[in-house]
Amino acid sequence: MNLKEDYIPEGTLMRINSYTVRCQGIIEMNCLLVQKGDQIGTDQWYYFYDTIEGFEYEEGFQFDLDVKITEVANPAEDASSKKYNLIRLLRKF
């Protein structure tokens, strides 16, 4: 499946890398590496400090996801201003 040509997303297309990296949020943690939209398939990966409700990460596999991203009204000071929900797992490879 070619994500950019074969699938019409309901939300935002995201690719999750096959490994995590140590990162510093409020505490030291493991972050997913992600690509979104036009970044998918490039060498650019970004730290993802949040979780995606409905998605279970499994190390060693990349995932292509359709994700609903919504703004959170009045988030807590140490919380994200966005909420991520899995719409559909498109590919695990």
N, C-alpha and C. Protein backbone atom coordinates (compact mmCIF):
# COMPACT_ATOMS: atom_id res chain seq x y z
N MET A 1 0.85 -1.18 0.00
CA MET A 1 0.00 0.00 0.00
C MET A 1 0.89 1.24 0.00
N ASN A 2 0.68 2.11 -0.93
CA ASN A 2 1.37 3.40 -0.96
C ASN A 2 0.49 4.39 -0.21
N LEU A 3 0.92 4.78 0.99
CA LEU A 3 0.09 5.64 1.84
C LEU A 3 -0.32 6.93 1.17
N LYS A 4 0.58 7.52 0.42
CA LYS A 4 0.30 8.82 -0.14
C LYS A 4 -0.62 8.77 -1.36
N GLU A 5 -0.79 7.60 -1.95
CA GLU A 5 -1.61 7.50 -3.15
C GLU A 5 -2.82 6.58 -3.00
N ASP A 6 -2.71 5.54 -2.17
CA ASP A 6 -3.73 4.51 -2.12
C ASP A 6 -4.75 4.66 -1.00
N TYR A 7 -4.46 5.48 -0.02
CA TYR A 7 -5.34 5.54 1.14
C TYR A 7 -5.75 6.98 1.41
N ILE A 8 -7.01 7.19 1.59
CA ILE A 8 -7.53 8.51 1.94
C ILE A 8 -7.76 8.51 3.46
N PRO A 9 -6.93 9.23 4.20
CA PRO A 9 -7.04 9.18 5.66
C PRO A 9 -8.25 9.94 6.19
N GLU A 10 -8.75 9.46 7.31
CA GLU A 10 -9.80 10.18 8.03
C GLU A 10 -9.16 11.22 8.94
N GLY A 11 -7.92 10.95 9.36
CA GLY A 11 -7.20 11.85 10.26
C GLY A 11 -5.86 12.21 9.66
N THR A 12 -4.80 11.99 10.44
CA THR A 12 -3.43 12.30 10.04
C THR A 12 -2.66 11.00 9.87
N LEU A 13 -1.93 10.87 8.77
CA LEU A 13 -1.09 9.70 8.58
C LEU A 13 0.17 9.85 9.41
N MET A 14 0.52 8.78 10.14
CA MET A 14 1.74 8.78 10.96
C MET A 14 2.47 7.47 10.74
N ARG A 15 3.80 7.55 10.71
CA ARG A 15 4.64 6.35 10.68
C ARG A 15 5.42 6.33 11.98
N ILE A 16 5.42 5.16 12.63
CA ILE A 16 6.14 4.96 13.89
C ILE A 16 7.35 4.09 13.58
N ASN A 17 8.53 4.52 14.04
CA ASN A 17 9.76 3.78 13.77
C ASN A 17 9.82 2.49 14.59
N SER A 18 10.77 1.63 14.25
CA SER A 18 10.88 0.30 14.85
C SER A 18 11.60 0.30 16.20
N TYR A 19 12.09 1.43 16.64
CA TYR A 19 12.78 1.50 17.94
C TYR A 19 12.45 2.84 18.61
N THR A 20 12.66 2.88 19.91
CA THR A 20 12.46 4.10 20.68
C THR A 20 13.82 4.68 21.06
N VAL A 21 13.80 5.92 21.54
CA VAL A 21 15.03 6.57 21.99
C VAL A 21 14.78 7.21 23.36
N ARG A 22 15.86 7.30 24.16
CA ARG A 22 15.76 7.98 25.45
C ARG A 22 15.56 9.47 25.18
N CYS A 23 14.65 10.08 25.89
CA CYS A 23 14.37 11.50 25.71
C CYS A 23 14.01 12.10 27.05
N GLN A 24 14.01 13.40 27.09
CA GLN A 24 13.71 14.11 28.33
C GLN A 24 12.45 14.93 28.15
N GLY A 25 11.39 14.49 28.80
CA GLY A 25 10.17 15.29 28.88
C GLY A 25 10.16 15.88 30.28
N ILE A 26 9.08 15.69 30.99
CA ILE A 26 9.04 16.09 32.39
C ILE A 26 10.00 15.19 33.17
N ILE A 27 10.06 13.93 32.75
CA ILE A 27 11.00 12.96 33.31
C ILE A 27 11.73 12.31 32.14
N GLU A 28 12.81 11.60 32.42
CA GLU A 28 13.49 10.86 31.37
C GLU A 28 12.61 9.66 31.01
N MET A 29 12.46 9.42 29.72
CA MET A 29 11.56 8.36 29.26
C MET A 29 12.01 7.86 27.90
N ASN A 30 11.33 6.87 27.36
CA ASN A 30 11.54 6.41 26.00
C ASN A 30 10.51 7.08 25.11
N CYS A 31 10.96 7.67 24.01
CA CYS A 31 10.06 8.32 23.06
C CYS A 31 9.99 7.51 21.77
N LEU A 32 8.81 7.48 21.20
CA LEU A 32 8.67 6.95 19.85
C LEU A 32 9.30 7.93 18.89
N LEU A 33 9.74 7.43 17.75
CA LEU A 33 10.19 8.27 16.65
C LEU A 33 9.10 8.22 15.60
N VAL A 34 8.63 9.39 15.16
CA VAL A 34 7.49 9.44 14.24
C VAL A 34 7.77 10.33 13.04
N GLN A 35 7.01 10.05 12.01
CA GLN A 35 6.91 10.91 10.83
C GLN A 35 5.43 11.15 10.61
N LYS A 36 5.09 12.36 10.12
CA LYS A 36 3.69 12.68 9.83
C LYS A 36 3.58 13.21 8.41
N GLY A 37 2.46 12.88 7.77
CA GLY A 37 2.12 13.46 6.47
C GLY A 37 3.23 13.37 5.44
N ASP A 38 3.67 14.52 4.92
CA ASP A 38 4.68 14.57 3.87
C ASP A 38 6.06 14.14 4.33
N GLN A 39 6.29 14.02 5.63
CA GLN A 39 7.58 13.56 6.15
C GLN A 39 7.76 12.06 5.99
N ILE A 40 6.65 11.33 5.81
CA ILE A 40 6.71 9.88 5.74
C ILE A 40 7.57 9.47 4.55
N GLY A 41 8.53 8.57 4.84
CA GLY A 41 9.43 8.08 3.80
C GLY A 41 10.71 8.88 3.66
N THR A 42 10.85 9.95 4.47
CA THR A 42 12.08 10.75 4.44
C THR A 42 13.02 10.25 5.55
N ASP A 43 14.14 10.92 5.70
CA ASP A 43 15.09 10.59 6.77
C ASP A 43 14.80 11.36 8.05
N GLN A 44 13.74 12.18 8.06
CA GLN A 44 13.42 13.01 9.22
C GLN A 44 12.49 12.26 10.17
N TRP A 45 12.96 12.05 11.39
CA TRP A 45 12.17 11.44 12.45
C TRP A 45 12.13 12.41 13.62
N TYR A 46 10.99 12.46 14.30
CA TYR A 46 10.80 13.38 15.41
C TYR A 46 10.40 12.63 16.67
N TYR A 47 10.89 13.12 17.82
CA TYR A 47 10.51 12.54 19.10
C TYR A 47 9.02 12.76 19.33
N PHE A 48 8.36 11.72 19.83
CA PHE A 48 6.93 11.78 20.14
C PHE A 48 6.79 11.49 21.62
N TYR A 49 6.40 12.48 22.39
CA TYR A 49 6.34 12.38 23.85
C TYR A 49 4.99 11.90 24.36
N ASP A 50 3.99 11.83 23.50
CA ASP A 50 2.63 11.48 23.91
C ASP A 50 2.36 9.99 23.70
N THR A 51 1.12 9.62 23.92
CA THR A 51 0.65 8.27 23.61
C THR A 51 -0.46 8.38 22.57
N ILE A 52 -0.70 7.28 21.89
CA ILE A 52 -1.78 7.20 20.92
C ILE A 52 -2.78 6.18 21.46
N GLU A 53 -3.94 6.66 21.89
CA GLU A 53 -4.94 5.76 22.46
C GLU A 53 -5.36 4.73 21.43
N GLY A 54 -5.38 3.46 21.84
CA GLY A 54 -5.78 2.38 20.96
C GLY A 54 -4.63 1.74 20.20
N PHE A 55 -3.42 2.29 20.34
CA PHE A 55 -2.25 1.76 19.63
C PHE A 55 -1.30 1.12 20.62
N GLU A 56 -0.85 -0.12 20.30
CA GLU A 56 0.13 -0.80 21.12
C GLU A 56 1.42 -0.94 20.32
N TYR A 57 2.45 -0.24 20.77
CA TYR A 57 3.75 -0.28 20.10
C TYR A 57 4.43 -1.62 20.35
N GLU A 58 5.10 -2.14 19.33
CA GLU A 58 5.87 -3.37 19.45
C GLU A 58 7.23 -3.12 18.81
N GLU A 59 8.28 -3.17 19.63
CA GLU A 59 9.63 -2.89 19.13
C GLU A 59 10.00 -3.86 18.02
N GLY A 60 10.73 -3.36 17.04
CA GLY A 60 11.18 -4.19 15.92
C GLY A 60 10.31 -4.06 14.68
N PHE A 61 9.21 -3.35 14.80
CA PHE A 61 8.29 -3.16 13.67
C PHE A 61 8.03 -1.67 13.46
N GLN A 62 7.86 -1.28 12.21
CA GLN A 62 7.36 0.05 11.90
C GLN A 62 5.86 -0.07 11.69
N PHE A 63 5.17 1.03 11.96
CA PHE A 63 3.72 1.05 11.84
C PHE A 63 3.29 2.27 11.05
N ASP A 64 2.34 2.09 10.15
CA ASP A 64 1.67 3.20 9.49
C ASP A 64 0.28 3.29 10.09
N LEU A 65 -0.07 4.48 10.58
CA LEU A 65 -1.32 4.68 11.30
C LEU A 65 -2.11 5.84 10.72
N ASP A 66 -3.41 5.75 10.85
CA ASP A 66 -4.31 6.87 10.62
C ASP A 66 -4.74 7.31 12.02
N VAL A 67 -4.43 8.55 12.39
CA VAL A 67 -4.60 9.01 13.75
C VAL A 67 -5.45 10.28 13.78
N LYS A 68 -6.40 10.31 14.71
CA LYS A 68 -7.19 11.51 14.94
C LYS A 68 -6.47 12.35 15.99
N ILE A 69 -6.19 13.60 15.65
CA ILE A 69 -5.52 14.51 16.58
C ILE A 69 -6.51 15.61 16.94
N THR A 70 -6.77 15.76 18.23
CA THR A 70 -7.69 16.80 18.68
C THR A 70 -6.99 17.70 19.70
N GLU A 71 -7.40 18.95 19.71
CA GLU A 71 -6.88 19.91 20.68
C GLU A 71 -7.56 19.67 22.02
N VAL A 72 -6.78 19.76 23.09
CA VAL A 72 -7.29 19.62 24.44
C VAL A 72 -7.50 21.02 25.00
N ALA A 73 -8.71 21.30 25.41
CA ALA A 73 -9.01 22.61 26.01
C ALA A 73 -8.46 22.64 27.43
N ASN A 74 -7.72 23.66 27.74
CA ASN A 74 -7.18 23.86 29.08
C ASN A 74 -6.41 22.65 29.62
N PRO A 75 -5.36 22.22 28.93
CA PRO A 75 -4.60 21.06 29.44
C PRO A 75 -3.86 21.43 30.72
N ALA A 76 -3.57 20.43 31.52
CA ALA A 76 -2.76 20.65 32.72
C ALA A 76 -1.40 21.21 32.29
N GLU A 77 -0.75 21.90 33.20
CA GLU A 77 0.51 22.57 32.87
C GLU A 77 1.55 21.62 32.30
N ASP A 78 1.59 20.40 32.80
CA ASP A 78 2.59 19.44 32.35
C ASP A 78 2.03 18.43 31.34
N ALA A 79 0.86 18.70 30.79
CA ALA A 79 0.22 17.77 29.85
C ALA A 79 0.23 18.34 28.43
N SER A 80 0.03 17.46 27.49
CA SER A 80 0.00 17.86 26.08
C SER A 80 -1.27 18.63 25.75
N SER A 81 -1.16 19.51 24.78
CA SER A 81 -2.34 20.25 24.32
C SER A 81 -3.06 19.50 23.20
N LYS A 82 -2.56 18.29 22.89
CA LYS A 82 -3.18 17.46 21.85
C LYS A 82 -3.46 16.06 22.37
N LYS A 83 -4.51 15.47 21.84
CA LYS A 83 -4.87 14.09 22.18
C LYS A 83 -4.83 13.29 20.88
N TYR A 84 -4.24 12.10 20.93
CA TYR A 84 -4.07 11.25 19.76
C TYR A 84 -4.87 9.96 19.94
N ASN A 85 -5.71 9.64 18.96
CA ASN A 85 -6.51 8.42 18.98
C ASN A 85 -6.31 7.66 17.68
N LEU A 86 -6.06 6.37 17.79
CA LEU A 86 -5.90 5.53 16.61
C LEU A 86 -7.24 5.37 15.91
N ILE A 87 -7.25 5.70 14.63
CA ILE A 87 -8.43 5.43 13.79
C ILE A 87 -8.27 4.05 13.16
N ARG A 88 -7.09 3.82 12.60
CA ARG A 88 -6.86 2.56 11.89
C ARG A 88 -5.36 2.26 11.81
N LEU A 89 -5.01 1.00 12.08
CA LEU A 89 -3.67 0.51 11.81
C LEU A 89 -3.64 0.13 10.34
N LEU A 90 -2.80 0.80 9.57
CA LEU A 90 -2.75 0.57 8.12
C LEU A 90 -1.75 -0.49 7.74
N ARG A 91 -0.61 -0.51 8.45
CA ARG A 91 0.43 -1.47 8.08
C ARG A 91 1.39 -1.65 9.23
N LYS A 92 1.81 -2.89 9.45
CA LYS A 92 2.86 -3.24 10.41
C LYS A 92 3.90 -3.96 9.59
N PHE A 93 5.14 -3.46 9.60
CA PHE A 93 6.16 -4.08 8.75
C PHE A 93 7.55 -4.03 9.38
